[in-house]
């Protein structure tokens, strides 16, 4: 396993584990998944994974409970990260919700406490006042944000008066906007971009095509998985397969290696099995050549999916058919 080179209390592994699916029925992993989740977490720790991300919103607290129980014997080795959903993120509420998350996780201190998304009404000044109080009493180690623009990330840091270590954003070969400003800022300031959905919810795995779309509710609601977009993505998937063959790897591993190429990125793919966790962890060891990276970049840029308002009627028709 490789790690981000930053002065953090615990090393941050380049591959982490995202646990949105823990306790969330919409992923359709079946009733035995909660037991399997503990096996996945234990194997991740064995492989050197140190970043485990959850949120109070995931499974309405069940993800935190499952993850906390699975990490019971390894808390001193890992960074446990969770998120507050900012319905009313004033200082007092931030403090109350952190206490509740810590209790569900079974920890005395949350290593990384993140604001799940920016609140359009409540300013970060009051939210960060609560975060600062949590740090002062030792209930929170590092503070992070999620889905923040660069400017709002910097505003939040100024309000905290300390570093806001991380910004967790959607980043993959299909969602490359963080490359414009967030990644350069992270490198310059010594911060971390945490990439969620680094496989675009499995689009980049090569498992799906126009004739074999996904069945789970989460993926079926994602316009990337429209038959038209799956067809349009064939060239990109073919490029992933070609690079994968050169490394005796899978397309998913190459897609992860793409986002991990930046030194200040941690990717947090989910895993539905121990084997998938092992494959994800192995992706941290893949070094793409300049030519391979350029080929992947060019294929990603050439992909033109139907998204936004144009995708809505197609999604509705797709759901009616299924």
Protein backbone atom coordinates (compact mmCIF):
# COMPACT_ATOMS: atom_id res chain seq x y z
CA UNK A 1 0.00 0.00 0.00
CA UNK A 2 1.11 3.54 -0.71
CA UNK A 3 0.38 6.55 1.47
CA UNK A 4 -0.07 10.29 1.08
CA UNK A 5 3.03 12.15 2.23
CA UNK A 6 1.55 14.60 4.72
CA UNK A 7 2.04 15.36 8.39
CA UNK A 8 -1.06 13.63 9.69
CA UNK A 9 -1.32 11.77 13.02
CA UNK A 10 -1.89 8.51 11.16
CA UNK A 11 -0.73 7.67 7.62
CA UNK A 12 -3.41 8.11 4.95
CA UNK A 13 -3.53 5.20 2.53
CA UNK A 14 -3.94 6.07 -1.13
CA UNK A 15 -6.81 3.59 -1.27
CA UNK A 16 -9.45 3.83 1.41
CA UNK A 17 -12.82 2.18 1.85
CA UNK A 18 -16.07 4.03 1.27
CA UNK A 19 -18.98 2.56 3.23
CA UNK A 20 -22.05 4.23 1.76
CA UNK A 21 -23.41 0.77 1.00
CA UNK A 22 -23.03 -0.46 4.60
CA UNK A 23 -26.58 -0.74 5.91
CA UNK A 24 -28.10 0.87 2.80
CA UNK A 25 -30.66 -1.42 1.19
CA UNK A 26 -30.76 0.50 -2.08
CA UNK A 27 -27.48 -1.06 -3.23
CA UNK A 28 -29.20 -4.46 -3.38
CA UNK A 29 -26.31 -6.47 -1.96
CA UNK A 30 -28.61 -8.80 -0.02
CA UNK A 31 -29.34 -9.58 3.65
CA UNK A 32 -25.94 -11.18 4.34
CA UNK A 33 -23.98 -8.07 3.40
CA UNK A 34 -23.73 -6.67 6.95
CA UNK A 35 -21.83 -9.79 8.04
CA UNK A 36 -19.69 -9.63 4.92
CA UNK A 37 -18.97 -5.95 5.59
CA UNK A 38 -17.00 -6.89 8.71
CA UNK A 39 -14.88 -9.33 6.66
CA UNK A 40 -14.23 -6.61 4.06
CA UNK A 41 -13.10 -4.14 6.73
CA UNK A 42 -10.80 -6.65 8.42
CA UNK A 43 -9.19 -7.58 5.12
CA UNK A 44 -8.73 -3.92 4.24
CA UNK A 45 -6.82 -3.36 7.49
CA UNK A 46 -4.63 -6.38 6.73
CA UNK A 47 -3.82 -4.88 3.32
CA UNK A 48 -2.65 -1.61 4.86
CA UNK A 49 -5.79 0.44 4.22
CA UNK A 50 -6.01 3.18 6.84
CA UNK A 51 -8.82 5.47 5.59
CA UNK A 52 -12.41 4.38 6.30
CA UNK A 53 -15.14 6.81 5.32
CA UNK A 54 -18.77 6.84 6.43
CA UNK A 55 -21.49 9.38 7.26
CA UNK A 56 -24.40 9.78 9.62
CA UNK A 57 -26.69 9.76 6.57
CA UNK A 58 -25.54 6.35 5.27
CA UNK A 59 -28.20 3.87 6.29
CA UNK A 60 -29.37 6.50 8.80
CA UNK A 61 -26.52 5.65 11.16
CA UNK A 62 -26.25 1.93 10.41
CA UNK A 63 -23.09 2.38 8.35
CA UNK A 64 -21.36 4.08 11.29
CA UNK A 65 -22.42 1.29 13.65
CA UNK A 66 -21.31 -1.49 11.28
CA UNK A 67 -17.99 0.18 10.56
CA UNK A 68 -17.32 0.97 14.22
CA UNK A 69 -17.95 -2.62 15.27
CA UNK A 70 -15.77 -3.99 12.46
CA UNK A 71 -12.87 -1.71 13.44
CA UNK A 72 -13.15 -2.35 17.16
CA UNK A 73 -9.69 -3.90 17.48
CA UNK A 74 -7.91 -1.63 15.00
CA UNK A 75 -8.97 1.93 15.83
CA UNK A 76 -5.46 3.00 16.79
CA UNK A 77 -4.18 2.05 13.30
CA UNK A 78 -6.73 3.78 11.09
CA UNK A 79 -8.35 7.09 10.27
CA UNK A 80 -12.08 6.90 10.86
CA UNK A 81 -13.83 9.61 8.85
CA UNK A 82 -17.49 10.49 9.06
CA UNK A 83 -19.68 13.36 7.92
CA UNK A 84 -22.40 15.59 9.30
CA UNK A 85 -25.33 16.23 6.97
CA UNK A 86 -25.71 20.01 7.21
CA UNK A 87 -29.45 20.51 7.58
CA UNK A 88 -28.85 23.17 10.27
CA UNK A 89 -25.07 23.19 10.83
CA UNK A 90 -24.87 25.87 13.51
CA UNK A 91 -22.17 25.40 16.13
CA UNK A 92 -24.31 23.73 18.79
CA UNK A 93 -25.88 21.28 16.34
CA UNK A 94 -22.47 20.38 14.89
CA UNK A 95 -21.27 19.51 18.38
CA UNK A 96 -24.35 17.43 19.23
CA UNK A 97 -24.18 15.46 16.00
CA UNK A 98 -20.48 14.73 16.43
CA UNK A 99 -21.19 13.23 19.85
CA UNK A 100 -23.90 11.03 18.30
CA UNK A 101 -21.63 9.87 15.46
CA UNK A 102 -18.79 9.08 17.87
CA UNK A 103 -21.18 6.99 19.97
CA UNK A 104 -22.35 5.01 16.93
CA UNK A 105 -18.75 4.48 15.83
CA UNK A 106 -17.68 3.49 19.35
CA UNK A 107 -14.81 5.98 19.39
CA UNK A 108 -13.73 8.68 21.82
CA UNK A 109 -12.38 10.84 19.00
CA UNK A 110 -13.37 11.14 15.34
CA UNK A 111 -10.17 11.26 13.30
CA UNK A 112 -11.70 13.26 10.43
CA UNK A 113 -15.06 15.02 10.74
CA UNK A 114 -16.43 16.39 7.48
CA UNK A 115 -19.26 18.67 6.40
CA UNK A 116 -21.16 16.48 3.93
CA UNK A 117 -22.00 19.33 1.56
CA UNK A 118 -22.12 23.11 1.66
CA UNK A 119 -25.25 24.63 3.13
CA UNK A 120 -26.58 27.37 0.82
CA UNK A 121 -27.99 29.40 3.73
CA UNK A 122 -25.82 28.76 6.79
CA UNK A 123 -22.36 30.32 6.51
CA UNK A 124 -19.29 28.25 7.27
CA UNK A 125 -18.32 30.64 10.05
CA UNK A 126 -20.88 29.19 12.47
CA UNK A 127 -20.28 25.60 11.31
CA UNK A 128 -16.53 25.93 11.79
CA UNK A 129 -17.02 27.49 15.21
CA UNK A 130 -18.60 24.21 16.24
CA UNK A 131 -15.79 22.24 14.58
CA UNK A 132 -13.15 24.29 16.39
CA UNK A 133 -14.83 23.62 19.74
CA UNK A 134 -14.86 19.89 18.96
CA UNK A 135 -11.15 19.99 18.17
CA UNK A 136 -10.41 21.93 21.34
CA UNK A 137 -11.99 19.25 23.55
CA UNK A 138 -10.40 16.39 21.57
CA UNK A 139 -13.60 14.89 20.13
CA UNK A 140 -12.43 15.67 16.58
CA UNK A 141 -8.92 15.38 15.21
CA UNK A 142 -8.96 16.84 11.71
CA UNK A 143 -11.73 18.79 9.97
CA UNK A 144 -12.77 18.19 6.38
CA UNK A 145 -15.42 19.29 3.91
CA UNK A 146 -17.17 17.57 1.03
CA UNK A 147 -18.48 18.77 -2.31
CA UNK A 148 -16.97 22.23 -1.72
CA UNK A 149 -15.66 24.52 -4.43
CA UNK A 150 -12.09 25.70 -4.00
CA UNK A 151 -13.23 29.13 -2.86
CA UNK A 152 -15.61 27.76 -0.24
CA UNK A 153 -12.97 25.31 0.97
CA UNK A 154 -10.62 28.25 1.54
CA UNK A 155 -13.37 30.27 3.24
CA UNK A 156 -14.09 27.35 5.56
CA UNK A 157 -10.42 27.10 6.44
CA UNK A 158 -10.23 30.81 7.22
CA UNK A 159 -13.31 30.45 9.43
CA UNK A 160 -11.81 27.49 11.28
CA UNK A 161 -8.51 29.28 11.77
CA UNK A 162 -6.73 25.97 11.18
CA UNK A 163 -6.27 23.66 8.25
CA UNK A 164 -9.30 22.01 6.73
CA UNK A 165 -7.39 18.90 5.79
CA UNK A 166 -9.56 17.46 3.06
CA UNK A 167 -12.26 18.03 0.49
CA UNK A 168 -14.19 14.92 -0.50
CA UNK A 169 -15.50 15.27 -4.04
CA UNK A 170 -16.68 13.19 -6.95
CA UNK A 171 -13.55 12.45 -8.98
CA UNK A 172 -13.01 9.85 -11.65
CA UNK A 173 -12.06 9.60 -15.31
CA UNK A 174 -15.62 10.75 -16.05
CA UNK A 175 -15.72 13.54 -13.47
CA UNK A 176 -12.44 15.40 -13.89
CA UNK A 177 -13.36 18.90 -12.70
CA UNK A 178 -11.18 18.59 -9.53
CA UNK A 179 -8.14 18.54 -11.82
CA UNK A 180 -8.78 22.18 -12.72
CA UNK A 181 -8.26 23.71 -9.27
CA UNK A 182 -8.73 21.37 -6.30
CA UNK A 183 -5.80 19.08 -7.10
CA UNK A 184 -3.33 21.94 -7.73
CA UNK A 185 -4.45 23.59 -4.47
CA UNK A 186 -4.04 20.35 -2.51
CA UNK A 187 -0.50 19.96 -3.83
CA UNK A 188 0.41 23.59 -3.12
CA UNK A 189 -1.18 23.80 0.35
CA UNK A 190 -0.49 20.31 1.63
CA UNK A 191 -4.13 19.23 1.65
CA UNK A 192 -5.97 16.12 0.48
CA UNK A 193 -8.64 15.51 -2.13
CA UNK A 194 -10.68 12.44 -1.23
CA UNK A 195 -12.16 10.96 -4.39
CA UNK A 196 -15.56 9.38 -3.98
CA UNK A 197 -17.16 7.38 -6.79
CA UNK A 198 -13.71 6.95 -8.43
CA UNK A 199 -15.15 4.19 -10.62
CA UNK A 200 -18.23 6.24 -11.53
CA UNK A 201 -20.38 3.77 -9.58
CA UNK A 202 -18.92 0.89 -11.60
CA UNK A 203 -19.27 2.39 -15.09
CA UNK A 204 -15.48 2.19 -15.48
CA UNK A 205 -15.34 -1.45 -14.43
CA UNK A 206 -16.34 -2.64 -17.89
CA UNK A 207 -18.96 -4.96 -16.36
CA UNK A 208 -21.88 -3.21 -18.03
CA UNK A 209 -22.91 -2.47 -21.61
CA UNK A 210 -26.06 -1.45 -23.45
CA UNK A 211 -27.29 -5.07 -23.40
CA UNK A 212 -26.26 -5.75 -19.79
CA UNK A 213 -27.16 -2.67 -17.71
CA UNK A 214 -26.97 -2.68 -13.90
CA UNK A 215 -29.99 -3.70 -11.83
CA UNK A 216 -29.46 -1.88 -8.50
CA UNK A 217 -31.60 1.17 -7.75
CA UNK A 218 -28.62 3.51 -7.23
CA UNK A 219 -26.98 2.75 -10.57
CA UNK A 220 -30.26 2.70 -12.48
CA UNK A 221 -30.82 6.28 -11.35
CA UNK A 222 -27.42 7.35 -12.71
CA UNK A 223 -27.61 8.69 -16.30
CA UNK A 224 -24.20 7.21 -17.08
CA UNK A 225 -25.92 3.81 -17.19
CA UNK A 226 -28.43 4.74 -19.83
CA UNK A 227 -28.04 2.29 -22.76
CA UNK A 228 -27.06 5.19 -25.00
CA UNK A 229 -24.26 6.24 -22.66
CA UNK A 230 -23.05 2.68 -22.18
CA UNK A 231 -22.78 2.44 -25.94
CA UNK A 232 -20.99 5.79 -26.18
CA UNK A 233 -18.50 4.64 -23.53
CA UNK A 234 -17.31 1.58 -25.43
CA UNK A 235 -14.14 3.26 -26.72
CA UNK A 236 -13.20 4.44 -23.24
CA UNK A 237 -13.74 0.97 -21.78
CA UNK A 238 -11.70 -0.55 -24.60
CA UNK A 239 -8.82 1.81 -23.74
CA UNK A 240 -9.05 0.82 -20.08
CA UNK A 241 -8.90 -2.83 -21.09
CA UNK A 242 -5.86 -2.28 -23.29
CA UNK A 243 -3.93 -0.52 -20.51
CA UNK A 244 -5.11 -3.13 -18.02
CA UNK A 245 -3.73 -5.93 -20.18
CA UNK A 246 -0.28 -4.32 -20.10
CA UNK A 247 -0.33 -4.38 -16.29
CA UNK A 248 -2.10 -7.74 -15.81
CA UNK A 249 -4.83 -5.73 -14.13
CA UNK A 250 -8.54 -5.02 -14.46
CA UNK A 251 -10.18 -1.94 -15.98
CA UNK A 252 -11.31 -0.91 -12.49
CA UNK A 253 -7.74 -1.02 -11.20
CA UNK A 254 -6.55 1.16 -14.06
CA UNK A 255 -9.36 3.64 -13.46
CA UNK A 256 -8.28 3.84 -9.81
CA UNK A 257 -4.62 4.20 -10.80
CA UNK A 258 -5.65 7.17 -12.94
CA UNK A 259 -7.02 9.17 -9.98
CA UNK A 260 -4.25 7.98 -7.65
CA UNK A 261 -1.58 9.34 -9.97
CA UNK A 262 -1.84 12.65 -8.14
CA UNK A 263 0.17 12.44 -4.89
CA UNK A 264 -2.47 14.19 -2.74
CA UNK A 265 -5.46 12.07 -3.74
CA UNK A 266 -7.03 9.33 -1.64
CA UNK A 267 -9.65 7.22 -3.43
CA UNK A 268 -12.46 5.61 -1.44
CA UNK A 269 -14.19 3.03 -3.66
CA UNK A 270 -16.74 0.77 -2.06
CA UNK A 271 -16.42 -2.99 -2.07
CA UNK A 272 -19.12 -5.65 -2.24
CA UNK A 273 -16.73 -8.53 -1.50
CA UNK A 274 -13.36 -9.28 0.07
CA UNK A 275 -12.00 -10.03 -3.38
CA UNK A 276 -13.03 -6.62 -4.67
CA UNK A 277 -11.36 -4.98 -1.66
CA UNK A 278 -8.16 -6.85 -2.51
CA UNK A 279 -8.30 -5.70 -6.14
CA UNK A 280 -8.92 -2.11 -5.09
CA UNK A 281 -5.97 -2.14 -2.71
CA UNK A 282 -3.67 -3.59 -5.38
CA UNK A 283 -4.47 -0.64 -7.67
CA UNK A 284 -2.37 1.60 -5.43
CA UNK A 285 0.75 -0.20 -6.68
CA UNK A 286 0.13 0.43 -10.39
CA UNK A 287 2.33 3.03 -12.09
CA UNK A 288 0.91 4.33 -15.35
CA UNK A 289 3.35 5.47 -18.00
CA UNK A 290 3.02 8.94 -19.51
CA UNK A 291 1.72 7.41 -22.75
CA UNK A 292 -0.85 5.30 -20.90
CA UNK A 293 -2.06 8.28 -18.89
CA UNK A 294 -2.36 10.36 -22.06
CA UNK A 295 -4.32 7.61 -23.81
CA UNK A 296 -6.71 7.35 -20.89
CA UNK A 297 -7.10 11.11 -20.70
CA UNK A 298 -7.83 11.41 -24.43
CA UNK A 299 -10.41 8.62 -24.32
CA UNK A 300 -12.07 10.19 -21.30
CA UNK A 301 -12.26 13.58 -23.00
CA UNK A 302 -13.80 12.02 -26.12
CA UNK A 303 -16.64 10.46 -24.11
CA UNK A 304 -19.75 12.62 -24.44
CA UNK A 305 -22.53 11.22 -22.25
CA UNK A 306 -26.11 12.40 -22.17
CA UNK A 307 -26.54 14.02 -18.74
CA UNK A 308 -28.49 16.76 -17.00
CA UNK A 309 -31.99 17.69 -18.15
CA UNK A 310 -31.50 15.90 -21.45
CA UNK A 311 -31.13 12.59 -19.59
CA UNK A 312 -34.30 12.92 -17.48
CA UNK A 313 -36.87 11.63 -20.02
CA UNK A 314 -34.53 8.80 -20.98
CA UNK A 315 -34.17 7.78 -17.31
CA UNK A 316 -37.94 7.81 -16.90
CA UNK A 317 -38.42 5.63 -19.96
CA UNK A 318 -35.71 3.26 -18.76
CA UNK A 319 -37.40 2.87 -15.36
CA UNK A 320 -40.81 2.27 -16.97
CA UNK A 321 -39.35 -0.51 -19.11
CA UNK A 322 -37.83 -2.22 -16.06
